[in-house]
Amino acid sequence: MEIIVRPTQVSDAAALCEIYSQPKAQRETLQLPKPSLAMWTQRLENMPQGVYSFVAEIDGKVIGNIGFEHSQRPRTSHCASFGIGVHDDFHGLGVGSKLIETVLDLADNWLQVKRVQLEVNTDNEGAIACYKKFSFEIEGESKCGSYRDGEYINTYYMARVKV
């Protein structure tokens, strides 16, 4: 099963709506439940400068997404962050890793990004292990950093600094 990563297109809005409607994606990302097709279409039509989006496909089906934001502020232009989602039916197949590889290549070889940072729920062990595989380290913990399923949860700040 080959995973193909390509730039996101506006025509991918319905697939992203499906990905972020999945229970695990809703639980582990900051997306709200029941995203609308109109919201995703608008996001994809109006990408801000410095934001890059990619999707992962298997057999022509979009099953993952990563949004990468390169800071446009002069004093933090060496920094970037990302958010990622994988369709619940495709976890554990390397989809997230393939998407992360794509944005790290962009950061390291094309954008002169030294620091890539992210936030992750402290109980999302699979994602944390994946990030550590790419040399991300936990830098701190935010108490009540996010709200999910009617309760506050802690989040980790993780980063990879290219030396």
C-alpha atoms as a PDB file:
ATOM      1  CA  MET A   1       0.000   0.000   0.000  1.00  0.00           C
ATOM      2  CA  GLU A   2       1.738   3.159  -1.242  1.00  0.00           C
ATOM      3  CA  ILE A   3       1.212   6.460   0.579  1.00  0.00           C
ATOM      4  CA  ILE A   4       1.359   9.443  -1.755  1.00  0.00           C
ATOM      5  CA  VAL A   5       1.746  12.956  -0.322  1.00  0.00           C
ATOM      6  CA  ARG A   6       0.767  15.950  -2.430  1.00  0.00           C
ATOM      7  CA  PRO A   7      -0.272  19.583  -1.931  1.00  0.00           C
ATOM      8  CA  THR A   8      -3.837  20.040  -0.735  1.00  0.00           C
ATOM      9  CA  GLN A   9      -6.351  21.268  -3.304  1.00  0.00           C
ATOM     10  CA  VAL A  10      -9.691  22.984  -2.771  1.00  0.00           C
ATOM     11  CA  SER A  11     -11.310  19.847  -4.199  1.00  0.00           C
ATOM     12  CA  ASP A  12     -10.002  17.974  -1.102  1.00  0.00           C
ATOM     13  CA  ALA A  13     -12.383  19.881   1.206  1.00  0.00           C
ATOM     14  CA  ALA A  14     -14.893  17.010   1.471  1.00  0.00           C
ATOM     15  CA  ALA A  15     -12.134  14.521   2.316  1.00  0.00           C
ATOM     16  CA  LEU A  16     -10.753  16.821   5.031  1.00  0.00           C
ATOM     17  CA  CYS A  17     -14.265  17.255   6.385  1.00  0.00           C
ATOM     18  CA  GLU A  18     -14.485  13.448   6.640  1.00  0.00           C
ATOM     19  CA  ILE A  19     -11.044  13.072   8.266  1.00  0.00           C
ATOM     20  CA  TYR A  20     -11.751  15.666  10.945  1.00  0.00           C
ATOM     21  CA  SER A  21     -15.219  14.210  11.595  1.00  0.00           C
ATOM     22  CA  GLN A  22     -13.666  10.949  12.817  1.00  0.00           C
ATOM     23  CA  PRO A  23     -13.843  10.342  16.602  1.00  0.00           C
ATOM     24  CA  LYS A  24     -10.070  10.079  17.129  1.00  0.00           C
ATOM     25  CA  ALA A  25      -9.332  13.100  14.945  1.00  0.00           C
ATOM     26  CA  GLN A  26     -11.876  15.146  16.893  1.00  0.00           C
ATOM     27  CA  ARG A  27     -10.461  13.935  20.188  1.00  0.00           C
ATOM     28  CA  GLU A  28      -6.787  14.515  19.398  1.00  0.00           C
ATOM     29  CA  THR A  29      -6.851  17.716  17.322  1.00  0.00           C
ATOM     30  CA  LEU A  30      -8.211  21.156  18.056  1.00  0.00           C
ATOM     31  CA  GLN A  31     -10.877  20.798  15.364  1.00  0.00           C
ATOM     32  CA  LEU A  32     -14.486  21.123  16.444  1.00  0.00           C
ATOM     33  CA  PRO A  33     -16.994  18.300  15.826  1.00  0.00           C
ATOM     34  CA  LYS A  34     -19.075  18.212  12.664  1.00  0.00           C
ATOM     35  CA  PRO A  35     -16.956  20.479  10.465  1.00  0.00           C
ATOM     36  CA  SER A  36     -18.779  21.861   7.455  1.00  0.00           C
ATOM     37  CA  LEU A  37     -17.761  21.491   3.845  1.00  0.00           C
ATOM     38  CA  ALA A  38     -18.147  25.271   3.470  1.00  0.00           C
ATOM     39  CA  MET A  39     -15.670  25.911   6.302  1.00  0.00           C
ATOM     40  CA  TRP A  40     -13.044  23.615   4.766  1.00  0.00           C
ATOM     41  CA  THR A  41     -13.589  25.047   1.299  1.00  0.00           C
ATOM     42  CA  GLN A  42     -13.133  28.574   2.632  1.00  0.00           C
ATOM     43  CA  ARG A  43      -9.957  27.593   4.510  1.00  0.00           C
ATOM     44  CA  LEU A  44      -8.442  26.023   1.426  1.00  0.00           C
ATOM     45  CA  GLU A  45      -9.415  28.928  -0.819  1.00  0.00           C
ATOM     46  CA  ASN A  46      -7.888  31.492   1.549  1.00  0.00           C
ATOM     47  CA  MET A  47      -4.579  30.045   2.701  1.00  0.00           C
ATOM     48  CA  PRO A  48      -2.512  32.747   4.425  1.00  0.00           C
ATOM     49  CA  GLN A  49       1.048  33.468   3.358  1.00  0.00           C
ATOM     50  CA  GLY A  50       3.462  31.031   4.975  1.00  0.00           C
ATOM     51  CA  VAL A  51       0.880  28.265   5.382  1.00  0.00           C
ATOM     52  CA  TYR A  52       1.423  25.032   3.478  1.00  0.00           C
ATOM     53  CA  SER A  53      -0.998  22.134   3.398  1.00  0.00           C
ATOM     54  CA  PHE A  54      -0.492  18.582   2.224  1.00  0.00           C
ATOM     55  CA  VAL A  55      -2.660  15.479   2.035  1.00  0.00           C
ATOM     56  CA  ALA A  56      -1.765  11.802   2.081  1.00  0.00           C
ATOM     57  CA  GLU A  57      -3.536   9.396  -0.243  1.00  0.00           C
ATOM     58  CA  ILE A  58      -3.776   5.645  -0.463  1.00  0.00           C
ATOM     59  CA  ASP A  59      -5.318   4.279  -3.657  1.00  0.00           C
ATOM     60  CA  GLY A  60      -6.612   7.753  -4.531  1.00  0.00           C
ATOM     61  CA  LYS A  61      -8.403   8.256  -1.181  1.00  0.00           C
ATOM     62  CA  VAL A  62      -7.320  11.219   0.934  1.00  0.00           C
ATOM     63  CA  ILE A  63      -6.627   9.768   4.397  1.00  0.00           C
ATOM     64  CA  GLY A  64      -4.384  12.333   6.086  1.00  0.00           C
ATOM     65  CA  ASN A  65      -3.632  16.035   6.250  1.00  0.00           C
ATOM     66  CA  ILE A  66      -0.902  18.265   7.627  1.00  0.00           C
ATOM     67  CA  GLY A  67      -0.933  22.023   7.837  1.00  0.00           C
ATOM     68  CA  PHE A  68       2.457  23.680   8.235  1.00  0.00           C
ATOM     69  CA  GLU A  69       2.749  27.307   9.281  1.00  0.00           C
ATOM     70  CA  HIS A  70       6.030  29.142   8.727  1.00  0.00           C
ATOM     71  CA  SER A  71       6.149  32.253  10.890  1.00  0.00           C
ATOM     72  CA  GLN A  72       6.129  35.443   8.833  1.00  0.00           C
ATOM     73  CA  ARG A  73       7.226  37.631  11.737  1.00  0.00           C
ATOM     74  CA  PRO A  74      10.830  38.827  11.281  1.00  0.00           C
ATOM     75  CA  ARG A  75      12.079  37.765  14.710  1.00  0.00           C
ATOM     76  CA  THR A  76      10.469  34.306  14.558  1.00  0.00           C
ATOM     77  CA  SER A  77      10.896  33.545  10.861  1.00  0.00           C
ATOM     78  CA  HIS A  78      13.212  30.679  11.846  1.00  0.00           C
ATOM     79  CA  CYS A  79      10.201  28.931  13.476  1.00  0.00           C
ATOM     80  CA  ALA A  80       7.291  26.911  12.180  1.00  0.00           C
ATOM     81  CA  SER A  81       4.536  24.698  13.569  1.00  0.00           C
ATOM     82  CA  PHE A  82       2.157  22.076  12.267  1.00  0.00           C
ATOM     83  CA  GLY A  83      -1.132  20.349  12.919  1.00  0.00           C
ATOM     84  CA  ILE A  84      -1.882  16.897  11.605  1.00  0.00           C
ATOM     85  CA  GLY A  85      -4.854  14.567  11.243  1.00  0.00           C
ATOM     86  CA  VAL A  86      -5.169  11.008  10.000  1.00  0.00           C
ATOM     87  CA  HIS A  87      -8.420   9.217   9.197  1.00  0.00           C
ATOM     88  CA  ASP A  88      -9.279   6.843  12.042  1.00  0.00           C
ATOM     89  CA  ASP A  89      -9.247   3.813   9.707  1.00  0.00           C
ATOM     90  CA  PHE A  90      -5.631   4.454   8.665  1.00  0.00           C
ATOM     91  CA  HIS A  91      -3.739   4.849  11.947  1.00  0.00           C
ATOM     92  CA  GLY A  92      -0.575   2.796  12.376  1.00  0.00           C
ATOM     93  CA  LEU A  93       0.273   2.616   8.665  1.00  0.00           C
ATOM     94  CA  GLY A  94       2.913   5.347   8.583  1.00  0.00           C
ATOM     95  CA  VAL A  95       0.625   8.065   7.196  1.00  0.00           C
ATOM     96  CA  GLY A  96       1.541  10.579   9.903  1.00  0.00           C
ATOM     97  CA  SER A  97       5.242   9.853   9.474  1.00  0.00           C
ATOM     98  CA  LYS A  98       5.042  10.406   5.724  1.00  0.00           C
ATOM     99  CA  LEU A  99       3.284  13.755   6.235  1.00  0.00           C
ATOM    100  CA  ILE A 100       5.805  14.858   8.871  1.00  0.00           C
ATOM    101  CA  GLU A 101       8.711  13.865   6.598  1.00  0.00           C
ATOM    102  CA  THR A 102       7.225  16.111   3.912  1.00  0.00           C
ATOM    103  CA  VAL A 103       7.044  19.236   6.066  1.00  0.00           C
ATOM    104  CA  LEU A 104      10.423  18.632   7.701  1.00  0.00           C
ATOM    105  CA  ASP A 105      12.009  18.430   4.250  1.00  0.00           C
ATOM    106  CA  LEU A 106      10.321  21.733   3.386  1.00  0.00           C
ATOM    107  CA  ALA A 107      11.523  23.274   6.658  1.00  0.00           C
ATOM    108  CA  ASP A 108      15.098  21.985   6.475  1.00  0.00           C
ATOM    109  CA  ASN A 109      15.879  22.252   2.789  1.00  0.00           C
ATOM    110  CA  TRP A 110      13.749  25.073   1.435  1.00  0.00           C
ATOM    111  CA  LEU A 111      12.564  27.498   4.117  1.00  0.00           C
ATOM    112  CA  GLN A 112      15.598  27.791   6.437  1.00  0.00           C
ATOM    113  CA  VAL A 113      13.448  26.840   9.430  1.00  0.00           C
ATOM    114  CA  LYS A 114      15.543  26.004  12.472  1.00  0.00           C
ATOM    115  CA  ARG A 115      12.741  25.277  14.968  1.00  0.00           C
ATOM    116  CA  VAL A 116       9.563  23.271  14.356  1.00  0.00           C
ATOM    117  CA  GLN A 117       7.164  23.229  17.291  1.00  0.00           C
ATOM    118  CA  LEU A 118       3.815  21.700  18.121  1.00  0.00           C
ATOM    119  CA  GLU A 119       1.359  20.983  20.901  1.00  0.00           C
ATOM    120  CA  VAL A 120       0.026  17.514  21.664  1.00  0.00           C
ATOM    121  CA  ASN A 121      -2.341  16.121  24.284  1.00  0.00           C
ATOM    122  CA  THR A 122      -0.319  14.487  27.058  1.00  0.00           C
ATOM    123  CA  ASP A 123      -2.362  11.279  26.758  1.00  0.00           C
ATOM    124  CA  ASN A 124      -1.818  10.894  22.995  1.00  0.00           C
ATOM    125  CA  GLU A 125       0.961   8.336  23.349  1.00  0.00           C
ATOM    126  CA  GLY A 126       0.965   7.288  19.687  1.00  0.00           C
ATOM    127  CA  ALA A 127       1.478  10.835  18.422  1.00  0.00           C
ATOM    128  CA  ILE A 128       4.130  11.586  21.048  1.00  0.00           C
ATOM    129  CA  ALA A 129       6.079   8.458  20.029  1.00  0.00           C
ATOM    130  CA  CYS A 130       5.803   9.465  16.369  1.00  0.00           C
ATOM    131  CA  TYR A 131       7.112  12.976  17.073  1.00  0.00           C
ATOM    132  CA  LYS A 132       9.993  11.623  19.145  1.00  0.00           C
ATOM    133  CA  LYS A 133      10.967   9.472  16.149  1.00  0.00           C
ATOM    134  CA  PHE A 134      11.663  12.752  14.333  1.00  0.00           C
ATOM    135  CA  SER A 135      13.750  14.161  17.221  1.00  0.00           C
ATOM    136  CA  PHE A 136      10.983  16.264  18.759  1.00  0.00           C
ATOM    137  CA  GLU A 137      11.476  16.735  22.486  1.00  0.00           C
ATOM    138  CA  ILE A 138       9.018  17.664  25.211  1.00  0.00           C
ATOM    139  CA  GLU A 139       9.897  21.174  26.351  1.00  0.00           C
ATOM    140  CA  GLY A 140       7.073  21.787  28.765  1.00  0.00           C
ATOM    141  CA  GLU A 141       3.531  21.007  29.832  1.00  0.00           C
ATOM    142  CA  SER A 142       0.512  23.250  29.791  1.00  0.00           C
ATOM    143  CA  LYS A 143      -1.950  22.511  32.597  1.00  0.00           C
ATOM    144  CA  CYS A 144      -5.524  22.628  31.253  1.00  0.00           C
ATOM    145  CA  GLY A 145      -4.050  23.458  27.855  1.00  0.00           C
ATOM    146  CA  SER A 146      -7.044  22.239  25.888  1.00  0.00           C
ATOM    147  CA  TYR A 147     -10.709  21.417  26.352  1.00  0.00           C
ATOM    148  CA  ARG A 148     -12.094  18.091  25.140  1.00  0.00           C
ATOM    149  CA  ASP A 149     -15.162  15.984  25.850  1.00  0.00           C
ATOM    150  CA  GLY A 150     -16.308  18.336  28.608  1.00  0.00           C
ATOM    151  CA  GLU A 151     -13.029  18.478  30.525  1.00  0.00           C
ATOM    152  CA  TYR A 152      -9.727  20.326  30.518  1.00  0.00           C
ATOM    153  CA  ILE A 153      -6.677  18.303  29.554  1.00  0.00           C
ATOM    154  CA  ASN A 154      -2.947  18.934  29.677  1.00  0.00           C
ATOM    155  CA  THR A 155      -0.856  19.419  26.576  1.00  0.00           C
ATOM    156  CA  TYR A 156       2.855  19.101  25.907  1.00  0.00           C
ATOM    157  CA  TYR A 157       4.914  21.648  24.045  1.00  0.00           C
ATOM    158  CA  MET A 158       7.284  19.744  21.789  1.00  0.00           C
ATOM    159  CA  ALA A 159       9.921  21.027  19.403  1.00  0.00           C
ATOM    160  CA  ARG A 160      12.689  19.900  17.110  1.00  0.00           C
ATOM    161  CA  VAL A 161      15.568  22.335  16.773  1.00  0.00           C
ATOM    162  CA  LYS A 162      17.857  21.690  13.854  1.00  0.00           C
ATOM    163  CA  VAL A 163      21.481  21.948  14.932  1.00  0.00           C
END
